[in-house]
PDB file of all heavy atoms in Angstrom:
ATOM      1  N   ALA A   1       0.795  -1.210  -0.014  1.00  0.00           N
ATOM      2  CA  ALA A   1      -0.026  -0.031   0.011  1.00  0.00           C
ATOM      3  C   ALA A   1       0.873   1.245  -0.011  1.00  0.00           C
ATOM      4  O   ALA A   1       1.882   1.343   0.586  1.00  0.00           O
ATOM      5  CB  ALA A   1      -0.927   0.044   1.219  1.00  0.00           C
ATOM      6  N   THR A   2       0.348   2.268  -0.739  1.00  0.00           N
ATOM      7  CA  THR A   2       1.063   3.601  -0.715  1.00  0.00           C
ATOM      8  C   THR A   2       0.866   4.215   0.747  1.00  0.00           C
ATOM      9  O   THR A   2      -0.052   3.712   1.437  1.00  0.00           O
ATOM     10  CB  THR A   2       0.557   4.518  -1.763  1.00  0.00           C
ATOM     11  OG1 THR A   2      -0.834   4.898  -1.346  1.00  0.00           O
ATOM     12  CG2 THR A   2       0.621   3.931  -3.102  1.00  0.00           C
ATOM     13  N   ASP A   3       1.652   5.224   1.034  1.00  0.00           N
ATOM     14  CA  ASP A   3       1.457   5.896   2.382  1.00  0.00           C
ATOM     15  C   ASP A   3       0.090   6.462   2.454  1.00  0.00           C
ATOM     16  O   ASP A   3      -0.558   6.400   3.597  1.00  0.00           O
ATOM     17  CB  ASP A   3       2.490   7.062   2.481  1.00  0.00           C
ATOM     18  CG  ASP A   3       3.976   6.465   2.642  1.00  0.00           C
ATOM     19  OD1 ASP A   3       4.155   5.262   2.776  1.00  0.00           O
ATOM     20  OD2 ASP A   3       4.873   7.305   2.676  1.00  0.00           O
ATOM     21  N   LEU A   4      -0.453   7.051   1.443  1.00  0.00           N
ATOM     22  CA  LEU A   4      -1.770   7.663   1.401  1.00  0.00           C
ATOM     23  C   LEU A   4      -2.860   6.579   1.723  1.00  0.00           C
ATOM     24  O   LEU A   4      -3.810   6.738   2.506  1.00  0.00           O
ATOM     25  CB  LEU A   4      -2.085   8.350   0.140  1.00  0.00           C
ATOM     26  CG  LEU A   4      -1.285   9.610  -0.089  1.00  0.00           C
ATOM     27  CD1 LEU A   4      -1.599  10.167  -1.463  1.00  0.00           C
ATOM     28  CD2 LEU A   4      -1.636  10.705   0.983  1.00  0.00           C
ATOM     29  N   GLU A   5      -2.654   5.359   1.079  1.00  0.00           N
ATOM     30  CA  GLU A   5      -3.645   4.291   1.332  1.00  0.00           C
ATOM     31  C   GLU A   5      -3.574   3.781   2.752  1.00  0.00           C
ATOM     32  O   GLU A   5      -4.617   3.589   3.362  1.00  0.00           O
ATOM     33  CB  GLU A   5      -3.386   3.144   0.314  1.00  0.00           C
ATOM     34  CG  GLU A   5      -3.789   3.511  -1.075  1.00  0.00           C
ATOM     35  CD  GLU A   5      -3.257   2.425  -2.128  1.00  0.00           C
ATOM     36  OE1 GLU A   5      -2.281   1.757  -1.788  1.00  0.00           O
ATOM     37  OE2 GLU A   5      -3.891   2.323  -3.162  1.00  0.00           O
ATOM     38  N   ALA A   6      -2.343   3.630   3.218  1.00  0.00           N
ATOM     39  CA  ALA A   6      -2.117   3.059   4.579  1.00  0.00           C
ATOM     40  C   ALA A   6      -2.690   4.110   5.668  1.00  0.00           C
ATOM     41  O   ALA A   6      -3.427   3.639   6.516  1.00  0.00           O
ATOM     42  CB  ALA A   6      -0.698   2.813   4.781  1.00  0.00           C
ATOM     43  N   LEU A   7      -2.344   5.357   5.524  1.00  0.00           N
ATOM     44  CA  LEU A   7      -2.824   6.291   6.459  1.00  0.00           C
ATOM     45  C   LEU A   7      -4.382   6.400   6.428  1.00  0.00           C
ATOM     46  O   LEU A   7      -5.010   6.587   7.501  1.00  0.00           O
ATOM     47  CB  LEU A   7      -2.216   7.657   6.197  1.00  0.00           C
ATOM     48  CG  LEU A   7      -0.728   7.704   6.646  1.00  0.00           C
ATOM     49  CD1 LEU A   7       0.013   8.958   5.903  1.00  0.00           C
ATOM     50  CD2 LEU A   7      -0.647   7.995   8.185  1.00  0.00           C
ATOM     51  N   THR A   8      -4.883   6.369   5.262  1.00  0.00           N
ATOM     52  CA  THR A   8      -6.390   6.483   5.195  1.00  0.00           C
ATOM     53  C   THR A   8      -7.046   5.245   5.830  1.00  0.00           C
ATOM     54  O   THR A   8      -8.054   5.352   6.472  1.00  0.00           O
ATOM     55  CB  THR A   8      -6.815   6.564   3.685  1.00  0.00           C
ATOM     56  OG1 THR A   8      -6.153   7.699   3.040  1.00  0.00           O
ATOM     57  CG2 THR A   8      -8.294   6.683   3.481  1.00  0.00           C
ATOM     58  N   ALA A   9      -6.471   4.109   5.494  1.00  0.00           N
ATOM     59  CA  ALA A   9      -6.964   2.825   6.163  1.00  0.00           C
ATOM     60  C   ALA A   9      -6.980   2.910   7.697  1.00  0.00           C
ATOM     61  O   ALA A   9      -7.937   2.506   8.363  1.00  0.00           O
ATOM     62  CB  ALA A   9      -6.318   1.538   5.682  1.00  0.00           C
ATOM     63  N   TYR A  10      -5.845   3.427   8.292  1.00  0.00           N
ATOM     64  CA  TYR A  10      -5.814   3.543   9.709  1.00  0.00           C
ATOM     65  C   TYR A  10      -6.823   4.579  10.266  1.00  0.00           C
ATOM     66  O   TYR A  10      -7.572   4.271  11.253  1.00  0.00           O
ATOM     67  CB  TYR A  10      -4.408   3.964  10.085  1.00  0.00           C
ATOM     68  CG  TYR A  10      -4.240   4.369  11.555  1.00  0.00           C
ATOM     69  CD1 TYR A  10      -4.543   3.465  12.447  1.00  0.00           C
ATOM     70  CD2 TYR A  10      -3.724   5.720  11.800  1.00  0.00           C
ATOM     71  CE1 TYR A  10      -4.368   3.861  13.848  1.00  0.00           C
ATOM     72  CE2 TYR A  10      -3.712   6.067  13.159  1.00  0.00           C
ATOM     73  CZ  TYR A  10      -3.981   5.223  14.175  1.00  0.00           C
ATOM     74  OH  TYR A  10      -3.869   5.589  15.437  1.00  0.00           O
ATOM     75  N   ALA A  11      -6.880   5.665   9.535  1.00  0.00           N
ATOM     76  CA  ALA A  11      -7.858   6.690   9.973  1.00  0.00           C
ATOM     77  C   ALA A  11      -9.260   6.289   9.874  1.00  0.00           C
ATOM     78  O   ALA A  11     -10.079   6.494  10.899  1.00  0.00           O
ATOM     79  CB  ALA A  11      -7.657   8.005   9.149  1.00  0.00           C
ATOM     80  N   VAL A  12      -9.687   5.579   8.887  1.00  0.00           N
ATOM     81  CA  VAL A  12     -11.160   5.254   8.654  1.00  0.00           C
ATOM     82  C   VAL A  12     -11.431   4.205   9.739  1.00  0.00           C
ATOM     83  O   VAL A  12     -12.509   4.060  10.259  1.00  0.00           O
ATOM     84  CB  VAL A  12     -11.436   4.768   7.286  1.00  0.00           C
ATOM     85  CG1 VAL A  12     -10.879   3.386   6.960  1.00  0.00           C
ATOM     86  CG2 VAL A  12     -12.951   4.785   7.145  1.00  0.00           C
ATOM     87  N   ALA A  13     -10.423   3.246  10.040  1.00  0.00           N
ATOM     88  CA  ALA A  13     -10.664   2.272  11.106  1.00  0.00           C
ATOM     89  C   ALA A  13     -10.914   2.943  12.488  1.00  0.00           C
ATOM     90  O   ALA A  13     -11.636   2.344  13.307  1.00  0.00           O
ATOM     91  CB  ALA A  13      -9.497   1.315  11.189  1.00  0.00           C
ATOM     92  N   GLU A  14     -10.379   4.032  12.704  1.00  0.00           N
ATOM     93  CA  GLU A  14     -10.541   4.746  13.984  1.00  0.00           C
ATOM     94  C   GLU A  14     -11.970   5.400  13.988  1.00  0.00           C
ATOM     95  O   GLU A  14     -12.433   5.879  15.134  1.00  0.00           O
ATOM     96  CB  GLU A  14      -9.523   5.884  14.105  1.00  0.00           C
ATOM     97  CG  GLU A  14      -8.180   5.380  14.286  1.00  0.00           C
ATOM     98  CD  GLU A  14      -8.039   4.775  15.722  1.00  0.00           C
ATOM     99  OE1 GLU A  14      -8.002   5.405  16.683  1.00  0.00           O
ATOM    100  OE2 GLU A  14      -7.803   3.490  15.755  1.00  0.00           O
ATOM    101  N   SER A  15     -12.689   5.341  12.951  1.00  0.00           N
ATOM    102  CA  SER A  15     -14.102   5.824  12.869  1.00  0.00           C
ATOM    103  C   SER A  15     -15.109   4.696  12.839  1.00  0.00           C
ATOM    104  O   SER A  15     -16.314   4.942  12.711  1.00  0.00           O
ATOM    105  CB  SER A  15     -14.378   6.737  11.729  1.00  0.00           C
ATOM    106  OG  SER A  15     -13.807   8.066  12.019  1.00  0.00           O
ATOM    107  N   ARG A  16     -14.663   3.456  12.877  1.00  0.00           N
ATOM    108  CA  ARG A  16     -15.585   2.326  12.863  1.00  0.00           C
ATOM    109  C   ARG A  16     -16.556   2.371  13.925  1.00  0.00           C
ATOM    110  O   ARG A  16     -16.363   2.548  15.032  1.00  0.00           O
ATOM    111  CB  ARG A  16     -14.842   0.990  12.920  1.00  0.00           C
ATOM    112  CG  ARG A  16     -15.651  -0.175  12.600  1.00  0.00           C
ATOM    113  CD  ARG A  16     -14.839  -1.512  12.587  1.00  0.00           C
ATOM    114  NE  ARG A  16     -14.017  -1.551  11.347  1.00  0.00           N
ATOM    115  CZ  ARG A  16     -12.736  -1.652  11.292  1.00  0.00           C
ATOM    116  NH1 ARG A  16     -12.076  -1.487  12.415  1.00  0.00           N
ATOM    117  NH2 ARG A  16     -12.060  -1.735  10.143  1.00  0.00           N
ATOM    118  N   GLY A  17     -17.854   2.311  13.543  1.00  0.00           N
ATOM    119  CA  GLY A  17     -18.967   2.454  14.508  1.00  0.00           C
ATOM    120  C   GLY A  17     -19.590   3.747  14.684  1.00  0.00           C
ATOM    121  O   GLY A  17     -20.680   3.863  15.172  1.00  0.00           O
ATOM    122  N   TYR A  18     -18.819   4.761  14.232  1.00  0.00           N
ATOM    123  CA  TYR A  18     -19.373   6.192  14.416  1.00  0.00           C
ATOM    124  C   TYR A  18     -20.380   6.374  13.304  1.00  0.00           C
ATOM    125  O   TYR A  18     -20.274   5.983  12.114  1.00  0.00           O
ATOM    126  CB  TYR A  18     -18.225   7.109  14.276  1.00  0.00           C
ATOM    127  CG  TYR A  18     -17.408   7.261  15.530  1.00  0.00           C
ATOM    128  CD1 TYR A  18     -16.364   6.311  15.828  1.00  0.00           C
ATOM    129  CD2 TYR A  18     -17.544   8.312  16.423  1.00  0.00           C
ATOM    130  CE1 TYR A  18     -15.644   6.399  17.018  1.00  0.00           C
ATOM    131  CE2 TYR A  18     -16.816   8.417  17.576  1.00  0.00           C
ATOM    132  CZ  TYR A  18     -15.849   7.526  17.787  1.00  0.00           C
ATOM    133  OH  TYR A  18     -15.069   7.536  18.973  1.00  0.00           O
ATOM    134  N   LYS A  19     -21.318   7.295  13.607  1.00  0.00           N
ATOM    135  CA  LYS A  19     -22.419   7.606  12.661  1.00  0.00           C
ATOM    136  C   LYS A  19     -21.858   8.671  11.639  1.00  0.00           C
ATOM    137  O   LYS A  19     -21.166   9.462  11.954  1.00  0.00           O
ATOM    138  CB  LYS A  19     -23.642   8.173  13.433  1.00  0.00           C
ATOM    139  CG  LYS A  19     -24.331   7.297  14.398  1.00  0.00           C
ATOM    140  CD  LYS A  19     -25.046   6.097  13.664  1.00  0.00           C
ATOM    141  CE  LYS A  19     -25.867   5.285  14.549  1.00  0.00           C
ATOM    142  NZ  LYS A  19     -26.444   4.123  13.879  1.00  0.00           N
ATOM    143  N   ILE A  20     -22.254   8.404  10.487  1.00  0.00           N
ATOM    144  CA  ILE A  20     -21.960   9.292   9.305  1.00  0.00           C
ATOM    145  C   ILE A  20     -22.743  10.585   9.527  1.00  0.00           C
ATOM    146  O   ILE A  20     -23.947  10.550   9.610  1.00  0.00           O
ATOM    147  CB  ILE A  20     -22.178   8.579   7.939  1.00  0.00           C
ATOM    148  CG1 ILE A  20     -21.477   7.364   7.718  1.00  0.00           C
ATOM    149  CG2 ILE A  20     -21.944   9.595   6.799  1.00  0.00           C
ATOM    150  CD1 ILE A  20     -21.931   6.528   6.606  1.00  0.00           C
ATOM    151  N   ASN A  21     -22.004  11.687   9.534  1.00  0.00           N
ATOM    152  CA  ASN A  21     -22.673  12.982   9.677  1.00  0.00           C
ATOM    153  C   ASN A  21     -21.829  14.028   9.035  1.00  0.00           C
ATOM    154  O   ASN A  21     -21.185  14.883   9.658  1.00  0.00           O
ATOM    155  CB  ASN A  21     -22.693  13.320  11.247  1.00  0.00           C
ATOM    156  CG  ASN A  21     -23.574  14.507  11.569  1.00  0.00           C
ATOM    157  OD1 ASN A  21     -24.392  14.877  10.703  1.00  0.00           O
ATOM    158  ND2 ASN A  21     -23.326  15.144  12.668  1.00  0.00           N
ATOM    159  N   VAL A  22     -21.856  14.082   7.759  1.00  0.00           N
ATOM    160  CA  VAL A  22     -21.071  15.002   6.951  1.00  0.00           C
ATOM    161  C   VAL A  22     -21.855  16.381   7.039  1.00  0.00           C
ATOM    162  O   VAL A  22     -23.046  16.455   6.749  1.00  0.00           O
ATOM    163  CB  VAL A  22     -21.102  14.518   5.390  1.00  0.00           C
ATOM    164  CG1 VAL A  22     -20.417  15.660   4.583  1.00  0.00           C
ATOM    165  CG2 VAL A  22     -20.188  13.239   5.275  1.00  0.00           C
ATOM    166  N   PRO A  23     -21.184  17.337   7.583  1.00  0.00           N
ATOM    167  CA  PRO A  23     -21.877  18.599   7.902  1.00  0.00           C
ATOM    168  C   PRO A  23     -22.240  19.403   6.657  1.00  0.00           C
ATOM    169  O   PRO A  23     -21.680  19.298   5.605  1.00  0.00           O
ATOM    170  CB  PRO A  23     -20.741  19.395   8.682  1.00  0.00           C
ATOM    171  CG  PRO A  23     -19.426  18.845   8.244  1.00  0.00           C
ATOM    172  CD  PRO A  23     -19.698  17.441   7.902  1.00  0.00           C
ATOM    173  N   GLN A  24     -23.258  20.191   6.982  1.00  0.00           N
ATOM    174  CA  GLN A  24     -23.895  21.081   5.892  1.00  0.00           C
ATOM    175  C   GLN A  24     -24.252  22.371   6.461  1.00  0.00           C
ATOM    176  O   GLN A  24     -25.304  23.063   6.089  1.00  0.00           O
ATOM    177  CB  GLN A  24     -25.121  20.371   5.246  1.00  0.00           C
ATOM    178  CG  GLN A  24     -24.848  19.281   4.297  1.00  0.00           C
ATOM    179  CD  GLN A  24     -24.339  19.779   2.973  1.00  0.00           C
ATOM    180  OE1 GLN A  24     -25.076  20.247   2.024  1.00  0.00           O
ATOM    181  NE2 GLN A  24     -22.976  19.782   2.820  1.00  0.00           N
ATOM    182  N   GLN A  25     -23.471  22.948   7.359  1.00  0.00           N
ATOM    183  CA  GLN A  25     -23.791  24.173   8.000  1.00  0.00           C
ATOM    184  C   GLN A  25     -23.217  25.322   7.215  1.00  0.00           C
ATOM    185  O   GLN A  25     -23.787  26.372   6.978  1.00  0.00           O
ATOM    186  CB  GLN A  25     -23.158  24.209   9.468  1.00  0.00           C
ATOM    187  CG  GLN A  25     -24.078  23.479  10.420  1.00  0.00           C
ATOM    188  CD  GLN A  25     -23.947  22.032  10.387  1.00  0.00           C
ATOM    189  OE1 GLN A  25     -22.837  21.492  10.312  1.00  0.00           O
ATOM    190  NE2 GLN A  25     -25.070  21.311  10.382  1.00  0.00           N
ATOM    191  N   HIS A  26     -21.936  25.204   6.891  1.00  0.00           N
ATOM    192  CA  HIS A  26     -21.235  26.388   6.135  1.00  0.00           C
ATOM    193  C   HIS A  26     -21.715  26.472   4.665  1.00  0.00           C
ATOM    194  O   HIS A  26     -22.072  25.404   4.072  1.00  0.00           O
ATOM    195  CB  HIS A  26     -19.683  26.070   6.194  1.00  0.00           C
ATOM    196  CG  HIS A  26     -18.845  27.272   5.825  1.00  0.00           C
ATOM    197  ND1 HIS A  26     -18.560  27.697   4.551  1.00  0.00           N
ATOM    198  CD2 HIS A  26     -18.302  28.170   6.704  1.00  0.00           C
ATOM    199  CE1 HIS A  26     -17.849  28.690   4.592  1.00  0.00           C
ATOM    200  NE2 HIS A  26     -17.697  29.044   5.799  1.00  0.00           N
ATOM    201  N   ALA A  27     -21.678  27.693   4.217  1.00  0.00           N
ATOM    202  CA  ALA A  27     -22.172  27.945   2.777  1.00  0.00           C
ATOM    203  C   ALA A  27     -21.325  27.108   1.804  1.00  0.00           C
ATOM    204  O   ALA A  27     -21.927  26.574   0.793  1.00  0.00           O
ATOM    205  CB  ALA A  27     -22.049  29.419   2.541  1.00  0.00           C
ATOM    206  N   LYS A  28     -20.003  26.919   2.047  1.00  0.00           N
ATOM    207  CA  LYS A  28     -19.197  26.135   1.147  1.00  0.00           C
ATOM    208  C   LYS A  28     -19.467  24.689   1.172  1.00  0.00           C
ATOM    209  O   LYS A  28     -19.253  23.903   0.233  1.00  0.00           O
ATOM    210  CB  LYS A  28     -17.746  26.440   1.317  1.00  0.00           C
ATOM    211  CG  LYS A  28     -17.403  27.891   0.934  1.00  0.00           C
ATOM    212  CD  LYS A  28     -15.811  28.052   0.759  1.00  0.00           C
ATOM    213  CE  LYS A  28     -15.598  29.455   0.178  1.00  0.00           C
ATOM    214  NZ  LYS A  28     -14.104  29.740  -0.045  1.00  0.00           N
ATOM    215  N   GLU A  29     -19.916  24.229   2.328  1.00  0.00           N
ATOM    216  CA  GLU A  29     -20.332  22.743   2.468  1.00  0.00           C
ATOM    217  C   GLU A  29     -21.631  22.558   1.636  1.00  0.00           C
ATOM    218  O   GLU A  29     -21.711  21.513   0.943  1.00  0.00           O
ATOM    219  CB  GLU A  29     -20.585  22.365   3.988  1.00  0.00           C
ATOM    220  CG  GLU A  29     -19.221  22.377   4.756  1.00  0.00           C
ATOM    221  CD  GLU A  29     -19.520  22.265   6.248  1.00  0.00           C
ATOM    222  OE1 GLU A  29     -20.584  22.500   6.719  1.00  0.00           O
ATOM    223  OE2 GLU A  29     -18.500  21.911   6.942  1.00  0.00           O
ATOM    224  N   LYS A  30     -22.478  23.433   1.739  1.00  0.00           N
ATOM    225  CA  LYS A  30     -23.776  23.325   0.960  1.00  0.00           C
ATOM    226  C   LYS A  30     -23.515  23.455  -0.601  1.00  0.00           C
ATOM    227  O   LYS A  30     -24.091  22.680  -1.290  1.00  0.00           O
ATOM    228  CB  LYS A  30     -24.724  24.451   1.399  1.00  0.00           C
ATOM    229  CG  LYS A  30     -25.260  24.307   2.822  1.00  0.00           C
ATOM    230  CD  LYS A  30     -26.137  25.436   3.225  1.00  0.00           C
ATOM    231  CE  LYS A  30     -26.558  25.320   4.743  1.00  0.00           C
ATOM    232  NZ  LYS A  30     -27.459  26.483   5.134  1.00  0.00           N
ATOM    233  N   ALA A  31     -22.559  24.303  -0.914  1.00  0.00           N
ATOM    234  CA  ALA A  31     -22.224  24.490  -2.326  1.00  0.00           C
ATOM    235  C   ALA A  31     -21.572  23.209  -2.836  1.00  0.00           C
ATOM    236  O   ALA A  31     -21.756  22.751  -3.974  1.00  0.00           O
ATOM    237  CB  ALA A  31     -21.327  25.656  -2.567  1.00  0.00           C
ATOM    238  N   ALA A  32     -20.708  22.550  -1.983  1.00  0.00           N
ATOM    239  CA  ALA A  32     -20.065  21.269  -2.387  1.00  0.00           C
ATOM    240  C   ALA A  32     -21.099  20.190  -2.628  1.00  0.00           C
ATOM    241  O   ALA A  32     -21.035  19.413  -3.614  1.00  0.00           O
ATOM    242  CB  ALA A  32     -18.964  20.870  -1.305  1.00  0.00           C
ATOM    243  N   TYR A  33     -22.120  20.054  -1.750  1.00  0.00           N
ATOM    244  CA  TYR A  33     -23.134  19.149  -1.938  1.00  0.00           C
ATOM    245  C   TYR A  33     -23.857  19.328  -3.260  1.00  0.00           C
ATOM    246  O   TYR A  33     -24.175  18.432  -3.989  1.00  0.00           O
ATOM    247  CB  TYR A  33     -24.056  19.248  -0.759  1.00  0.00           C
ATOM    248  CG  TYR A  33     -25.379  18.410  -1.014  1.00  0.00           C
ATOM    249  CD1 TYR A  33     -25.383  17.072  -0.650  1.00  0.00           C
ATOM    250  CD2 TYR A  33     -26.539  18.953  -1.541  1.00  0.00           C
ATOM    251  CE1 TYR A  33     -26.559  16.352  -0.857  1.00  0.00           C
ATOM    252  CE2 TYR A  33     -27.723  18.265  -1.673  1.00  0.00           C
ATOM    253  CZ  TYR A  33     -27.673  16.902  -1.391  1.00  0.00           C
ATOM    254  OH  TYR A  33     -28.810  16.148  -1.702  1.00  0.00           O
ATOM    255  N   ALA A  34     -24.239  20.639  -3.551  1.00  0.00           N
ATOM    256  CA  ALA A  34     -24.973  20.977  -4.761  1.00  0.00           C
ATOM    257  C   ALA A  34     -24.194  20.636  -5.940  1.00  0.00           C
ATOM    258  O   ALA A  34     -24.733  20.100  -6.980  1.00  0.00           O
ATOM    259  CB  ALA A  34     -25.399  22.436  -4.700  1.00  0.00           C
ATOM    260  N   ARG A  35     -22.921  20.916  -6.022  1.00  0.00           N
ATOM    261  CA  ARG A  35     -22.081  20.560  -7.211  1.00  0.00           C
ATOM    262  C   ARG A  35     -21.989  19.139  -7.285  1.00  0.00           C
ATOM    263  O   ARG A  35     -22.036  18.541  -8.425  1.00  0.00           O
ATOM    264  CB  ARG A  35     -20.742  21.220  -7.082  1.00  0.00           C
ATOM    265  CG  ARG A  35     -20.632  22.704  -7.211  1.00  0.00           C
ATOM    266  CD  ARG A  35     -19.198  23.212  -7.373  1.00  0.00           C
ATOM    267  NE  ARG A  35     -18.396  22.867  -6.195  1.00  0.00           N
ATOM    268  CZ  ARG A  35     -18.164  23.581  -5.186  1.00  0.00           C
ATOM    269  NH1 ARG A  35     -18.755  24.811  -5.054  1.00  0.00           N
ATOM    270  NH2 ARG A  35     -17.351  23.246  -4.222  1.00  0.00           N
TER     271      ARG A  35
END
């Protein structure tokens, strides 16, 4: 695995069991969703 793949695998494992809650408060978050 590349460093990016390995670090991402470790980080996402640290969120196992947590609820998905991608924020939509900031105007740029809303704009990203719309795009």
